[in-house]
Amino acid sequence: MFIVPEKEIAGLITADDAFDAVEAVFAAMAAGKAYNFPVVREAIGHEDALYGFKGGFDRAGMALGLKAGGYWPNNLEKHQVINHQSSVFLFDPDTGRVSAMVGGNLLTALRTAAASSVSIKHLAREDARVLGMVGAGHQSAFQLRAAAKQRDFKKVVGWNYHPEMLPNLAKVADEVGLPFEAVSLEELGAQADVIITITSAFSPSLMDVHVKPGTHLACMGTDTKGKQEVEAALLARATVFTDEVAQSTSIGEAQHAVVAGLLSEGDITQIGAVINGTHPGRTSADQITLFDGTGVGLQDLAVAAAAVQLARARGVAIEVEV
């Protein structure tokens, strides 16, 4: 068994590595060569934490395993560690023996950003020039950096529930060479050609009326029953894509539109079908496309497997007997 500690991940996996791994596994899912197991996600009744498991089997990439972890909202204040904590466990598909344990914190951030950037690559208009960011927390920096590589953006506009956090996002925009402007949600929707929502909200902030025709949205914050970032009516107006349909309708952004009778499971398409060329994706310049990124276990397994391969090649993986 190989252990790849969290401290080694930053030196192993780049945003481009994560993008390639996630794009490939989304394609495998749509081709029926990879599938996710049902998600377990529970409030544990201690420290307001949410804890759970995401797993699956990618037959194309021969990755089997799970990610264990969750969200401890008091971590940063009480313990000076990030609120999201996780570890990935990989198993040999041929024998069932455990093969690796990988630190999952940075990998989670990278794979989440990779998913939204995959959706931008395949669904946003080629002439998209303004990137809108709804949310300015820890994950938003990864989202902005990954998204900036997918189109020739000229500007970033941002909004956050806590405006005092927006200068952090402005610094990231500056890092990638883009001017940043803090705006209202109305102005964000009027300007942005691509919008990424990355909050932990349980009520919508971005409304249907805010979003102009031709926009691509990547809704990345809703991964639990009850969470919601955008108005359900917006999904009814958009062409909706997702990582996995079952999660989209149960714990993703689509859950609310489904409950309201505005959307059905048959109205949602796996992003992998666009990658594989079995779905056309965007079909007009004024079409609104929306990616409901719920976060699937196969994403974690794909980037973890890449990390193990690189760690072994570079001699930083720790081998132990089990």
Protein backbone atom coordinates (compact mmCIF):
# COMPACT_ATOMS: atom_id res chain seq x y z
CA MET A 1 0.00 0.00 0.00
CA PHE A 2 1.23 3.48 -0.87
CA ILE A 3 0.54 6.60 1.19
CA VAL A 4 0.67 9.99 -0.49
CA PRO A 5 0.49 12.62 2.28
CA GLU A 6 -1.43 15.84 1.87
CA LYS A 7 1.82 17.84 2.03
CA GLU A 8 3.05 16.20 -1.20
CA ILE A 9 -0.02 16.87 -3.35
CA ALA A 10 0.81 20.46 -4.31
CA GLY A 11 4.11 19.32 -5.81
CA LEU A 12 2.51 16.47 -7.75
CA ILE A 13 -0.81 17.44 -9.31
CA THR A 14 -1.31 20.56 -11.41
CA ALA A 15 -4.62 22.10 -12.46
CA ASP A 16 -3.99 20.72 -15.95
CA ASP A 17 -3.47 17.21 -14.54
CA ALA A 18 -6.76 17.49 -12.69
CA PHE A 19 -8.55 18.77 -15.80
CA ASP A 20 -7.34 15.84 -17.90
CA ALA A 21 -8.31 13.28 -15.24
CA VAL A 22 -11.79 14.73 -14.70
CA GLU A 23 -12.55 15.15 -18.41
CA ALA A 24 -11.55 11.53 -19.03
CA VAL A 25 -13.65 10.12 -16.20
CA PHE A 26 -16.71 12.16 -17.24
CA ALA A 27 -16.35 10.65 -20.71
CA ALA A 28 -16.04 7.15 -19.22
CA MET A 29 -19.20 7.70 -17.17
CA ALA A 30 -21.23 8.72 -20.20
CA ALA A 31 -19.89 5.72 -22.14
CA GLY A 32 -21.03 3.36 -19.38
CA LYS A 33 -17.46 2.43 -18.45
CA ALA A 34 -17.51 4.03 -14.99
CA TYR A 35 -20.15 4.42 -12.31
CA ASN A 36 -20.52 6.02 -8.90
CA PHE A 37 -21.83 4.39 -5.75
CA PRO A 38 -24.66 6.00 -3.76
CA VAL A 39 -23.43 8.93 -1.68
CA VAL A 40 -23.55 8.82 2.13
CA ARG A 41 -23.62 12.31 3.65
CA GLU A 42 -24.77 12.94 7.22
CA ALA A 43 -24.79 15.60 9.89
CA ILE A 44 -22.92 13.88 12.73
CA GLY A 45 -24.27 16.03 15.56
CA HIS A 46 -20.82 17.28 16.56
CA GLU A 47 -19.11 20.56 15.60
CA ASP A 48 -21.93 21.17 13.07
CA ALA A 49 -20.03 18.80 10.77
CA LEU A 50 -21.23 17.04 7.63
CA TYR A 51 -19.42 13.75 6.99
CA GLY A 52 -19.76 11.18 4.28
CA PHE A 53 -18.43 8.87 1.59
CA LYS A 54 -18.26 9.08 -2.20
CA GLY A 55 -16.98 6.17 -4.22
CA GLY A 56 -17.16 4.31 -7.48
CA PHE A 57 -15.43 2.15 -10.06
CA ASP A 58 -13.87 3.39 -13.29
CA ARG A 59 -13.38 0.32 -15.48
CA ALA A 60 -11.68 2.40 -18.16
CA GLY A 61 -9.07 3.78 -15.78
CA MET A 62 -9.15 0.78 -13.40
CA ALA A 63 -9.74 3.01 -10.38
CA LEU A 64 -11.78 1.61 -7.49
CA GLY A 65 -12.24 3.30 -4.14
CA LEU A 66 -13.83 6.03 -2.08
CA LYS A 67 -13.31 9.45 -0.55
CA ALA A 68 -14.14 9.87 3.12
CA GLY A 69 -14.54 13.30 4.63
CA GLY A 70 -16.74 16.34 4.82
CA TYR A 71 -17.20 19.87 6.09
CA TRP A 72 -16.28 21.13 9.55
CA PRO A 73 -17.43 24.78 9.56
CA ASN A 74 -15.54 25.71 12.73
CA ASN A 75 -12.14 24.39 11.71
CA LEU A 76 -10.57 27.59 10.49
CA GLU A 77 -11.58 29.58 13.56
CA LYS A 78 -10.88 26.90 16.17
CA HIS A 79 -8.04 24.84 14.73
CA GLN A 80 -6.51 26.94 11.92
CA VAL A 81 -7.08 24.20 9.34
CA ILE A 82 -9.41 24.37 6.35
CA ASN A 83 -13.06 23.48 6.83
CA HIS A 84 -13.16 20.78 4.15
CA GLN A 85 -11.26 17.64 5.20
CA SER A 86 -10.98 14.39 3.25
CA SER A 87 -8.86 11.36 2.36
CA VAL A 88 -9.06 9.08 -0.69
CA PHE A 89 -8.65 5.30 -0.47
CA LEU A 90 -7.89 3.25 -3.59
CA PHE A 91 -8.26 -0.52 -3.96
CA ASP A 92 -6.95 -3.05 -6.45
CA PRO A 93 -9.95 -3.89 -8.68
CA ASP A 94 -8.57 -7.40 -9.29
CA THR A 95 -8.16 -8.43 -5.65
CA GLY A 96 -9.95 -5.89 -3.46
CA ARG A 97 -6.75 -5.20 -1.52
CA VAL A 98 -6.17 -1.60 -0.44
CA SER A 99 -3.53 -0.03 -2.71
CA ALA A 100 -3.28 3.61 -1.64
CA MET A 101 -4.31 6.29 0.81
CA VAL A 102 -4.08 9.83 -0.55
CA GLY A 103 -4.56 13.21 1.12
CA GLY A 104 -7.77 14.57 -0.36
CA ASN A 105 -8.00 18.24 0.62
CA LEU A 106 -6.13 19.91 -2.25
CA LEU A 107 -7.28 17.17 -4.63
CA THR A 108 -10.91 18.04 -3.84
CA ALA A 109 -10.31 21.70 -4.61
CA LEU A 110 -8.51 20.87 -7.86
CA ARG A 111 -11.05 18.32 -9.09
CA THR A 112 -13.98 20.65 -8.30
CA ALA A 113 -12.38 23.47 -10.25
CA ALA A 114 -11.52 21.05 -13.04
CA ALA A 115 -15.18 20.03 -13.38
CA SER A 116 -16.40 23.58 -13.91
CA SER A 117 -13.57 24.32 -16.35
CA VAL A 118 -14.42 21.16 -18.32
CA SER A 119 -17.97 22.49 -18.62
CA ILE A 120 -16.68 25.88 -19.79
CA LYS A 121 -14.50 24.23 -22.43
CA HIS A 122 -17.39 22.23 -23.87
CA LEU A 123 -20.40 24.52 -23.32
CA ALA A 124 -19.46 28.21 -23.11
CA ARG A 125 -19.56 30.44 -26.18
CA GLU A 126 -16.19 30.75 -27.87
CA ASP A 127 -16.46 34.54 -27.70
CA ALA A 128 -17.09 34.61 -23.91
CA ARG A 129 -15.09 37.53 -22.52
CA VAL A 130 -16.40 38.29 -19.00
CA LEU A 131 -16.20 35.75 -16.16
CA GLY A 132 -18.63 36.17 -13.26
CA MET A 133 -17.89 34.73 -9.82
CA VAL A 134 -20.65 34.28 -7.22
CA GLY A 135 -18.79 33.37 -4.05
CA ALA A 136 -15.37 34.35 -2.72
CA GLY A 137 -14.45 31.57 -0.32
CA HIS A 138 -11.53 29.13 -0.35
CA GLN A 139 -12.71 27.20 -3.42
CA SER A 140 -13.35 30.31 -5.53
CA ALA A 141 -9.62 30.90 -6.10
CA PHE A 142 -9.23 27.44 -7.65
CA GLN A 143 -12.34 27.99 -9.75
CA LEU A 144 -11.13 31.31 -11.11
CA ARG A 145 -7.64 30.04 -11.98
CA ALA A 146 -9.00 26.98 -13.80
CA ALA A 147 -11.73 28.89 -15.65
CA ALA A 148 -9.33 31.57 -16.87
CA LYS A 149 -7.53 28.96 -19.01
CA GLN A 150 -10.63 28.01 -20.99
CA ARG A 151 -11.54 31.26 -22.77
CA ASP A 152 -9.91 34.56 -23.67
CA PHE A 153 -11.50 36.41 -20.77
CA LYS A 154 -10.89 40.14 -20.51
CA LYS A 155 -12.43 40.80 -17.09
CA VAL A 156 -13.72 39.17 -13.89
CA VAL A 157 -16.77 40.47 -12.02
CA GLY A 158 -17.61 39.17 -8.57
CA TRP A 159 -20.25 39.15 -5.86
CA ASN A 160 -20.22 37.55 -2.40
CA TYR A 161 -22.57 37.36 0.58
CA HIS A 162 -19.72 38.89 2.60
CA PRO A 163 -18.29 41.70 0.42
CA GLU A 164 -15.23 42.07 2.64
CA MET A 165 -13.93 38.80 1.14
CA LEU A 166 -13.94 40.05 -2.45
CA PRO A 167 -10.40 41.56 -2.30
CA ASN A 168 -9.10 37.98 -1.96
CA LEU A 169 -10.76 37.14 -5.28
CA ALA A 170 -9.41 40.34 -6.80
CA LYS A 171 -5.87 39.18 -5.93
CA VAL A 172 -6.41 35.89 -7.74
CA ALA A 173 -7.77 37.73 -10.79
CA ASP A 174 -4.65 39.89 -10.75
CA GLU A 175 -2.48 36.75 -10.57
CA VAL A 176 -3.98 35.51 -13.86
CA GLY A 177 -3.74 38.95 -15.46
CA LEU A 178 -7.40 39.96 -15.40
CA PRO A 179 -8.99 43.16 -14.02
CA PHE A 180 -11.58 42.60 -11.29
CA GLU A 181 -14.74 44.51 -10.40
CA ALA A 182 -17.03 43.98 -7.41
CA VAL A 183 -20.61 44.33 -8.63
CA SER A 184 -24.24 43.70 -7.69
CA LEU A 185 -25.86 40.46 -8.79
CA GLU A 186 -27.89 42.40 -11.35
CA GLU A 187 -24.72 43.88 -12.85
CA LEU A 188 -22.89 40.56 -12.70
CA GLY A 189 -25.60 38.87 -14.74
CA ALA A 190 -25.71 41.74 -17.22
CA GLN A 191 -21.95 41.57 -17.88
CA ALA A 192 -20.92 37.94 -17.45
CA ASP A 193 -20.79 35.47 -20.34
CA VAL A 194 -19.74 32.67 -17.96
CA ILE A 195 -20.88 32.52 -14.32
CA ILE A 196 -19.47 30.22 -11.66
CA THR A 197 -21.46 29.92 -8.43
CA ILE A 198 -19.45 28.50 -5.55
CA THR A 199 -21.24 29.13 -2.25
CA SER A 200 -22.66 26.97 0.52
CA ALA A 201 -26.07 28.66 0.46
CA PHE A 202 -29.42 27.10 1.29
CA SER A 203 -31.39 29.77 -0.57
CA PRO A 204 -30.83 31.19 -4.06
CA SER A 205 -28.84 34.35 -4.68
CA LEU A 206 -28.64 34.36 -8.48
CA MET A 207 -32.12 34.71 -9.96
CA ASP A 208 -33.51 33.88 -13.38
CA VAL A 209 -33.99 37.56 -14.23
CA HIS A 210 -30.29 38.25 -13.59
CA VAL A 211 -29.00 35.97 -16.37
CA LYS A 212 -28.80 37.10 -20.00
CA PRO A 213 -29.22 34.84 -23.06
CA GLY A 214 -26.06 33.06 -24.15
CA THR A 215 -24.63 32.68 -20.66
CA HIS A 216 -22.97 29.50 -19.46
CA LEU A 217 -23.31 28.75 -15.75
CA ALA A 218 -21.33 26.31 -13.67
CA CYS A 219 -23.18 25.81 -10.38
CA MET A 220 -20.66 24.15 -8.11
CA GLY A 221 -21.76 24.72 -4.52
CA THR A 222 -24.88 22.56 -4.17
CA ASP A 223 -23.93 19.02 -3.12
CA THR A 224 -26.36 18.33 -0.27
CA LYS A 225 -30.13 18.08 0.05
CA GLY A 226 -31.52 21.54 0.74
CA LYS A 227 -28.63 23.59 -0.63
CA GLN A 228 -29.46 26.04 -3.42
CA GLU A 229 -27.51 28.74 -5.25
CA VAL A 230 -29.75 29.76 -8.18
CA GLU A 231 -33.48 30.19 -8.69
CA ALA A 232 -35.20 27.02 -9.91
CA ALA A 233 -36.78 28.94 -12.80
CA LEU A 234 -33.31 29.50 -14.24
CA LEU A 235 -32.84 25.74 -14.71
CA ALA A 236 -36.18 25.60 -16.50
CA ARG A 237 -34.92 28.22 -18.98
CA ALA A 238 -31.51 26.65 -19.42
CA THR A 239 -30.24 23.50 -21.11
CA VAL A 240 -28.98 21.54 -18.12
CA PHE A 241 -25.92 19.31 -17.94
CA THR A 242 -24.38 17.56 -14.97
CA ASP A 243 -21.72 15.15 -13.78
CA GLU A 244 -24.29 12.52 -12.72
CA VAL A 245 -28.04 12.82 -13.25
CA ALA A 246 -29.06 10.90 -10.11
CA GLN A 247 -27.04 13.24 -7.90
CA SER A 248 -28.20 16.32 -9.78
CA THR A 249 -31.85 15.56 -9.08
CA SER A 250 -31.35 14.47 -5.46
CA ILE A 251 -28.57 16.60 -3.94
CA GLY A 252 -27.57 18.98 -6.75
CA GLU A 253 -28.90 22.30 -7.98
CA ALA A 254 -31.60 20.54 -10.04
CA GLN A 255 -33.27 19.10 -6.93
CA HIS A 256 -35.40 22.24 -6.45
CA ALA A 257 -36.49 22.51 -10.08
CA VAL A 258 -37.50 18.85 -10.01
CA VAL A 259 -39.55 19.28 -6.83
CA ALA A 260 -41.24 22.33 -8.37
CA GLY A 261 -42.15 20.34 -11.49
CA LEU A 262 -40.03 22.59 -13.72
CA LEU A 263 -37.54 19.91 -14.71
CA SER A 264 -37.42 16.14 -15.00
CA GLU A 265 -34.55 13.66 -15.01
CA GLY A 266 -34.91 13.32 -18.76
CA ASP A 267 -34.18 17.03 -19.21
CA ILE A 268 -30.65 16.67 -17.80
CA THR A 269 -27.64 15.44 -19.79
CA GLN A 270 -24.32 14.07 -18.58
CA ILE A 271 -21.46 16.39 -19.55
CA GLY A 272 -19.58 13.28 -20.66
CA ALA A 273 -21.98 12.89 -23.58
CA VAL A 274 -20.81 16.26 -24.90
CA ILE A 275 -17.17 15.26 -24.40
CA ASN A 276 -17.80 11.98 -26.26
CA GLY A 277 -19.62 13.76 -29.08
CA THR A 278 -22.90 11.93 -28.54
CA HIS A 279 -24.66 15.17 -27.54
CA PRO A 280 -24.18 18.46 -29.40
CA GLY A 281 -23.90 20.59 -26.26
CA ARG A 282 -24.50 24.26 -27.03
CA THR A 283 -26.49 24.67 -30.26
CA SER A 284 -26.98 28.44 -30.46
CA ALA A 285 -25.33 31.67 -29.34
CA ASP A 286 -28.30 32.78 -27.24
CA GLN A 287 -28.83 29.42 -25.51
CA ILE A 288 -28.30 29.37 -21.74
CA THR A 289 -26.32 26.31 -20.67
CA LEU A 290 -26.00 25.25 -17.05
CA PHE A 291 -23.65 22.67 -15.54
CA ASP A 292 -24.86 21.27 -12.22
CA GLY A 293 -21.59 20.16 -10.62
CA THR A 294 -22.55 17.96 -7.70
CA GLY A 295 -19.12 16.36 -7.25
CA VAL A 296 -18.83 12.63 -7.84
CA GLY A 297 -16.55 10.08 -6.24
CA LEU A 298 -15.06 9.12 -9.59
CA GLN A 299 -13.52 12.60 -9.87
CA ASP A 300 -11.66 12.03 -6.61
CA LEU A 301 -10.51 8.57 -7.64
CA ALA A 302 -9.24 9.85 -10.98
CA VAL A 303 -7.07 12.62 -9.53
CA ALA A 304 -5.94 10.43 -6.63
CA ALA A 305 -4.82 7.69 -9.01
CA ALA A 306 -2.84 10.27 -10.99
CA ALA A 307 -1.26 11.51 -7.75
CA VAL A 308 -0.19 8.00 -6.75
CA GLN A 309 1.36 7.36 -10.16
CA LEU A 310 3.35 10.61 -10.00
CA ALA A 311 4.33 10.08 -6.35
CA ARG A 312 5.72 6.62 -7.09
CA ALA A 313 7.62 7.90 -10.11
CA ARG A 314 9.16 10.72 -8.08
CA GLY A 315 9.92 8.63 -5.01
CA VAL A 316 7.69 10.51 -2.56
CA ALA A 317 5.07 7.77 -2.03
CA ILE A 318 5.41 5.98 1.30
CA GLU A 319 5.10 2.20 0.97
CA VAL A 320 3.72 0.24 3.94
CA GLU A 321 2.72 -3.40 4.49
CA VAL A 322 -0.97 -4.08 5.21
